[in-house]
Amino acid sequence: MINFTLKQLRYFEAVARQGQFGRAAESCAISQPALSAQIAALEASFGQQLFERSARHVRLTPVGEQLVPRVRDILRAAEAVSDLARSAGGSALTRLRLGVIPTIAPYLLPSVIGQITAAHPEIDLLVRETMTHKLIDELGDGKLDCAIVALPVSEPAFSEVALFDEAMVLVRPASDANRPVPDMNALGRMKLLLLEEGHCFRDQALSFCAMRNTLPREGLDGSSLSTLVQMVGAGIGVTLIPEMAVPVETRSANVSVAALGSPRPKRTVGMIWRKTSALSEQLSAIAALVRQAAASHPAFEKVTKDLK
């Protein structure tokens, strides 16, 4: 019988996914030599090379390619067993691995963490911030228990619970504060600054402005809402940001904020988790706490008042 460990399989899957030992080691929070040693031990157990290594690339061998889906099935099954063990003692949840998208995390997480730790001081809360498609992959692979994202994600394997609706607001240079607010058609003709590809908020903004994602947009993309707002303050263009981001992102920028007309663009924020998770009941309770944190978030009250 071939002897291997779940740890070795996790490291193998990380290298296969990242395509590089260094990034895989970082994602697994271990040193690269330690990860390489575990991969070498796994290959010795199989008696075959699983990766082709060169100075620039790491590629799966044919045997490695066949192994990847089977390893992912094993890891998902192991996480399901872990979930079952965590829920077997009753309603207590001692560890929560929560994913959050970048256009929500900086603004909502402080309130969410406060609500969860106040209600469940025994929970070890682990937070992962990244884009939606990565959260979906990691949730499906059992690396996360749940995630806060923009709905819908339309994944049949996931439960979706809507938490709140949030408006998009227009950020313009301060000199434009007294000008009429552009409608959807006018906004589509303006120099609109957007998040780089991969962010769901980019797609939502393009959809509202009836613009295609394939249009050339050299120099008009940013990696964060903070960068976009500062670019607006420098007079480069205009942008859309979610309501909860306004107090944080506009406080040190020379910009003005305006509510867009009807139909006012908005997004639905919700929480997702695997339908097969043994923690579904506990995660529903966590979703209620997140909804409560959003309802009492000072950003919404302040923005609503300022935009009247």
Protein backbone atom coordinates (compact mmCIF):
# COMPACT_ATOMS: atom_id res chain seq x y z
CA MET A 1 0.00 0.00 0.00
CA ILE A 2 1.21 3.51 -0.84
CA ASN A 3 1.62 5.60 2.29
CA PHE A 4 0.81 9.31 2.16
CA THR A 5 -0.71 11.93 4.44
CA LEU A 6 -3.48 14.47 4.03
CA LYS A 7 -0.88 17.17 4.59
CA GLN A 8 1.12 15.92 1.62
CA LEU A 9 -2.01 15.86 -0.53
CA ARG A 10 -2.84 19.44 0.50
CA TYR A 11 0.66 20.54 -0.49
CA PHE A 12 0.40 18.67 -3.79
CA GLU A 13 -2.93 20.33 -4.57
CA ALA A 14 -1.51 23.76 -3.69
CA VAL A 15 1.43 23.35 -6.08
CA ALA A 16 -0.88 22.05 -8.82
CA ARG A 17 -3.18 25.05 -8.34
CA GLN A 18 -0.50 27.73 -8.00
CA GLY A 19 1.91 26.34 -10.60
CA GLN A 20 4.82 27.37 -8.43
CA PHE A 21 6.40 26.05 -5.24
CA GLY A 22 6.96 29.48 -3.72
CA ARG A 23 3.35 30.65 -4.05
CA ALA A 24 2.09 27.25 -2.92
CA ALA A 25 4.25 27.40 0.20
CA GLU A 26 2.96 30.91 0.95
CA SER A 27 -0.67 29.80 0.57
CA CYS A 28 0.00 26.88 2.94
CA ALA A 29 1.85 29.12 5.44
CA ILE A 30 5.01 27.01 5.45
CA SER A 31 8.52 27.47 4.10
CA GLN A 32 9.30 26.45 0.54
CA PRO A 33 11.97 23.89 1.56
CA ALA A 34 9.49 22.23 3.93
CA LEU A 35 6.85 22.03 1.21
CA SER A 36 9.37 20.72 -1.33
CA ALA A 37 10.44 18.02 1.11
CA GLN A 38 6.84 16.87 1.59
CA ILE A 39 6.25 16.76 -2.19
CA ALA A 40 9.44 14.76 -2.62
CA ALA A 41 8.25 12.31 0.05
CA LEU A 42 4.89 11.98 -1.72
CA GLU A 43 6.63 11.29 -5.04
CA ALA A 44 8.82 8.70 -3.33
CA SER A 45 5.69 7.00 -1.99
CA PHE A 46 4.20 6.87 -5.48
CA GLY A 47 7.51 5.86 -7.01
CA GLN A 48 6.92 8.42 -9.74
CA GLN A 49 7.53 12.08 -10.44
CA LEU A 50 4.35 14.17 -10.09
CA PHE A 51 5.81 17.48 -11.26
CA GLU A 52 8.21 18.50 -14.01
CA ARG A 53 10.52 21.12 -12.54
CA SER A 54 12.52 23.73 -14.42
CA ALA A 55 14.04 27.08 -13.52
CA ARG A 56 10.89 28.93 -14.62
CA HIS A 57 8.02 26.46 -14.56
CA VAL A 58 6.43 23.66 -12.60
CA ARG A 59 4.21 21.37 -14.65
CA LEU A 60 2.21 18.31 -13.73
CA THR A 61 3.36 15.02 -15.20
CA PRO A 62 0.68 12.82 -16.82
CA VAL A 63 0.38 10.90 -13.56
CA GLY A 64 0.13 14.17 -11.63
CA GLU A 65 -2.67 15.38 -13.91
CA GLN A 66 -4.64 12.21 -13.27
CA LEU A 67 -4.06 12.59 -9.54
CA VAL A 68 -5.34 16.18 -9.18
CA PRO A 69 -9.13 15.55 -9.34
CA ARG A 70 -8.83 12.49 -7.09
CA VAL A 71 -6.80 14.43 -4.52
CA ARG A 72 -9.37 17.23 -4.53
CA ASP A 73 -12.14 14.69 -3.94
CA ILE A 74 -10.17 13.27 -1.00
CA LEU A 75 -9.59 16.73 0.49
CA ARG A 76 -13.26 17.68 0.14
CA ALA A 77 -14.26 14.44 1.83
CA ALA A 78 -11.76 15.09 4.63
CA GLU A 79 -13.19 18.57 5.18
CA ALA A 80 -16.72 17.12 5.28
CA VAL A 81 -15.60 14.71 8.00
CA SER A 82 -14.01 17.62 9.85
CA ASP A 83 -17.24 19.62 9.59
CA LEU A 84 -19.20 16.68 10.95
CA ALA A 85 -16.82 16.32 13.88
CA ARG A 86 -17.04 20.06 14.59
CA SER A 87 -20.84 19.97 14.63
CA ALA A 88 -21.20 16.67 16.51
CA GLY A 89 -20.88 18.28 19.92
CA GLY A 90 -24.06 20.32 19.47
CA SER A 91 -24.50 23.93 18.40
CA ALA A 92 -21.05 25.12 19.50
CA LEU A 93 -18.83 26.39 16.68
CA THR A 94 -15.20 26.70 17.69
CA ARG A 95 -13.59 27.68 14.37
CA LEU A 96 -14.96 29.71 11.49
CA ARG A 97 -13.13 30.19 8.20
CA LEU A 98 -14.78 33.19 6.58
CA GLY A 99 -14.09 34.55 3.10
CA VAL A 100 -14.91 38.15 2.09
CA ILE A 101 -14.55 40.03 -1.20
CA PRO A 102 -12.28 43.13 -1.22
CA THR A 103 -15.11 45.63 -1.87
CA ILE A 104 -16.75 44.56 1.40
CA ALA A 105 -13.95 43.44 3.72
CA PRO A 106 -12.40 46.80 4.79
CA TYR A 107 -15.76 48.42 5.49
CA LEU A 108 -17.91 45.69 7.02
CA LEU A 109 -15.43 43.32 8.66
CA PRO A 110 -14.79 45.38 11.81
CA SER A 111 -18.52 45.35 12.61
CA VAL A 112 -18.90 41.69 11.63
CA ILE A 113 -15.95 40.59 13.74
CA GLY A 114 -17.34 42.59 16.67
CA GLN A 115 -20.77 40.97 16.38
CA ILE A 116 -19.41 37.43 16.03
CA THR A 117 -16.86 37.64 18.83
CA ALA A 118 -19.36 39.29 21.17
CA ALA A 119 -21.94 36.55 20.55
CA HIS A 120 -19.42 33.69 20.34
CA PRO A 121 -16.17 34.51 22.18
CA GLU A 122 -15.16 30.86 21.87
CA ILE A 123 -14.92 31.01 18.07
CA ASP A 124 -11.50 31.12 16.43
CA LEU A 125 -12.29 33.40 13.47
CA LEU A 126 -10.06 33.07 10.40
CA VAL A 127 -10.64 35.59 7.59
CA ARG A 128 -9.64 35.32 3.94
CA GLU A 129 -10.02 38.34 1.63
CA THR A 130 -9.91 37.69 -2.12
CA MET A 131 -12.02 37.92 -5.27
CA THR A 132 -15.27 36.04 -5.74
CA HIS A 133 -14.06 33.34 -8.13
CA LYS A 134 -11.27 32.37 -5.75
CA LEU A 135 -13.63 32.29 -2.77
CA ILE A 136 -15.98 30.02 -4.71
CA ASP A 137 -13.12 27.64 -5.55
CA GLU A 138 -11.85 27.57 -1.96
CA LEU A 139 -15.34 27.14 -0.55
CA GLY A 140 -15.98 24.26 -2.93
CA ASP A 141 -12.68 22.66 -1.96
CA GLY A 142 -13.54 22.88 1.73
CA LYS A 143 -10.88 25.47 2.57
CA LEU A 144 -13.54 27.95 3.75
CA ASP A 145 -16.73 27.44 5.74
CA CYS A 146 -18.61 30.38 4.24
CA ALA A 147 -18.10 33.62 2.32
CA ILE A 148 -19.62 37.09 2.12
CA VAL A 149 -20.04 38.01 -1.55
CA ALA A 150 -22.31 39.85 -3.97
CA LEU A 151 -25.27 37.69 -5.02
CA PRO A 152 -26.17 35.77 -7.00
CA VAL A 153 -23.26 33.37 -7.47
CA SER A 154 -25.56 30.80 -9.12
CA GLU A 155 -23.63 27.77 -7.91
CA PRO A 156 -25.99 24.80 -7.39
CA ALA A 157 -23.73 23.36 -4.69
CA PHE A 158 -24.04 26.45 -2.47
CA SER A 159 -26.74 27.83 -0.22
CA GLU A 160 -27.24 31.59 -0.69
CA VAL A 161 -28.65 33.87 2.01
CA ALA A 162 -29.27 37.53 1.15
CA LEU A 163 -28.08 39.89 3.90
CA PHE A 164 -28.72 43.43 2.63
CA ASP A 165 -28.96 45.61 -0.47
CA GLU A 166 -26.43 48.37 -1.00
CA ALA A 167 -26.50 51.27 -3.44
CA MET A 168 -23.67 52.36 -5.70
CA VAL A 169 -22.82 56.05 -5.55
CA LEU A 170 -21.04 58.31 -8.01
CA VAL A 171 -17.68 59.81 -7.04
CA ARG A 172 -16.67 62.93 -9.02
CA PRO A 173 -14.01 65.62 -8.64
CA ALA A 174 -14.97 68.19 -6.00
CA SER A 175 -15.31 70.82 -8.73
CA ASP A 176 -18.27 68.87 -10.16
CA ALA A 177 -20.25 68.94 -6.92
CA ASN A 178 -22.88 71.40 -8.20
CA ARG A 179 -23.26 69.93 -11.68
CA PRO A 180 -26.29 67.80 -12.62
CA VAL A 181 -25.88 64.12 -11.83
CA PRO A 182 -25.41 62.19 -15.09
CA ASP A 183 -27.91 59.50 -16.03
CA MET A 184 -26.95 56.01 -17.12
CA ASN A 185 -26.39 56.95 -20.77
CA ALA A 186 -24.28 60.01 -19.94
CA LEU A 187 -22.23 58.06 -17.42
CA GLY A 188 -21.44 55.46 -20.07
CA ARG A 189 -19.84 58.18 -22.21
CA MET A 190 -17.66 59.53 -19.38
CA LYS A 191 -14.17 58.44 -18.40
CA LEU A 192 -15.25 55.80 -15.92
CA LEU A 193 -12.57 54.38 -13.64
CA LEU A 194 -13.15 50.75 -12.67
CA LEU A 195 -11.57 47.96 -10.67
CA GLU A 196 -9.38 45.61 -12.67
CA GLU A 197 -10.83 42.48 -14.22
CA GLY A 198 -11.79 39.73 -11.80
CA HIS A 199 -13.69 41.99 -9.39
CA CYS A 200 -17.45 41.40 -9.49
CA PHE A 201 -18.03 45.08 -8.63
CA ARG A 202 -16.44 45.98 -11.97
CA ASP A 203 -18.96 43.83 -13.81
CA GLN A 204 -21.84 45.34 -11.85
CA ALA A 205 -20.71 48.89 -12.70
CA LEU A 206 -20.30 48.05 -16.38
CA SER A 207 -23.73 46.44 -16.43
CA PHE A 208 -25.37 49.54 -14.96
CA CYS A 209 -23.65 51.79 -17.49
CA ALA A 210 -24.57 49.40 -20.34
CA MET A 211 -20.89 49.14 -21.26
CA ARG A 212 -19.17 46.03 -22.58
CA ASN A 213 -16.33 44.49 -20.61
CA THR A 214 -14.43 44.02 -23.88
CA LEU A 215 -14.04 47.74 -24.59
CA PRO A 216 -10.42 49.00 -24.58
CA ARG A 217 -9.78 50.68 -21.24
CA GLU A 218 -6.04 51.37 -21.06
CA GLY A 219 -5.06 53.21 -17.90
CA LEU A 220 -8.59 53.31 -16.49
CA ASP A 221 -8.47 50.37 -14.09
CA GLY A 222 -7.36 50.22 -10.46
CA SER A 223 -6.63 47.44 -8.02
CA SER A 224 -8.65 48.94 -5.16
CA LEU A 225 -11.48 51.37 -4.47
CA SER A 226 -9.00 53.59 -2.64
CA THR A 227 -6.88 53.93 -5.79
CA LEU A 228 -9.94 54.75 -7.91
CA VAL A 229 -11.12 57.48 -5.55
CA GLN A 230 -7.68 59.08 -5.41
CA MET A 231 -7.53 59.01 -9.23
CA VAL A 232 -10.88 60.82 -9.31
CA GLY A 233 -9.51 63.39 -6.87
CA ALA A 234 -6.61 63.96 -9.26
CA GLY A 235 -9.10 64.77 -12.03
CA ILE A 236 -8.61 61.65 -14.13
CA GLY A 237 -12.26 60.64 -14.32
CA VAL A 238 -15.24 59.46 -12.26
CA THR A 239 -16.02 56.19 -10.53
CA LEU A 240 -18.72 54.20 -8.76
CA ILE A 241 -18.19 52.81 -5.27
CA PRO A 242 -20.45 50.94 -2.83
CA GLU A 243 -22.27 53.00 -0.24
CA MET A 244 -20.44 51.51 2.75
CA ALA A 245 -17.06 52.56 1.29
CA VAL A 246 -17.87 56.29 1.17
CA PRO A 247 -16.82 57.37 4.70
CA VAL A 248 -13.50 55.51 4.48
CA GLU A 249 -12.46 56.20 0.90
CA THR A 250 -13.55 59.83 0.45
CA ARG A 251 -12.38 61.35 3.72
CA SER A 252 -8.92 62.28 2.38
CA ALA A 253 -9.73 62.80 -1.30
CA ASN A 254 -10.75 65.98 -3.13
CA VAL A 255 -13.99 64.49 -4.44
CA SER A 256 -17.74 64.87 -4.24
CA VAL A 257 -20.31 62.09 -3.82
CA ALA A 258 -23.69 61.98 -5.53
CA ALA A 259 -26.64 59.58 -5.47
CA LEU A 260 -27.54 58.32 -8.92
CA GLY A 261 -31.08 58.64 -10.24
CA SER A 262 -33.71 55.97 -10.70
CA PRO A 263 -33.23 53.14 -11.28
CA ARG A 264 -30.55 53.55 -8.64
CA PRO A 265 -27.84 50.91 -9.10
CA LYS A 266 -27.38 48.52 -6.22
CA ARG A 267 -25.97 45.16 -5.30
CA THR A 268 -27.23 42.43 -3.01
CA VAL A 269 -24.70 41.24 -0.46
CA GLY A 270 -25.13 37.77 0.97
CA MET A 271 -23.45 34.79 2.53
CA ILE A 272 -22.84 31.44 0.85
CA TRP A 273 -21.79 27.99 2.07
CA ARG A 274 -21.84 24.42 0.83
CA LYS A 275 -25.26 22.78 0.91
CA THR A 276 -23.59 19.61 2.15
CA SER A 277 -21.92 21.34 5.10
CA ALA A 278 -22.70 19.79 8.47
CA LEU A 279 -22.43 23.33 9.87
CA SER A 280 -25.41 24.75 7.95
CA GLU A 281 -27.46 25.48 11.07
CA GLN A 282 -24.58 27.30 12.75
CA LEU A 283 -23.75 29.20 9.56
CA SER A 284 -27.34 30.41 9.30
CA ALA A 285 -26.91 31.89 12.78
CA ILE A 286 -23.65 33.55 11.70
CA ALA A 287 -25.45 35.03 8.67
CA ALA A 288 -27.97 36.60 11.02
CA LEU A 289 -25.12 38.22 12.96
CA VAL A 290 -23.62 39.59 9.74
CA ARG A 291 -27.01 41.03 8.78
CA GLN A 292 -27.23 42.64 12.21
CA ALA A 293 -23.74 44.12 11.83
CA ALA A 294 -24.69 45.63 8.48
CA ALA A 295 -27.98 47.05 9.79
CA SER A 296 -26.18 48.90 12.56
CA HIS A 297 -23.20 49.98 10.44
CA PRO A 298 -22.68 53.76 10.78
CA ALA A 299 -21.65 54.14 7.13
CA PHE A 300 -25.16 53.57 5.78
CA GLU A 301 -26.79 56.11 8.08
CA LYS A 302 -24.13 58.74 7.36
CA VAL A 303 -24.19 58.26 3.59
CA THR A 304 -27.99 58.36 3.44
CA LYS A 305 -28.04 61.59 5.42
CA ASP A 306 -25.27 63.22 3.37
CA LEU A 307 -26.87 62.37 0.03
CA LYS A 308 -30.36 63.71 0.82
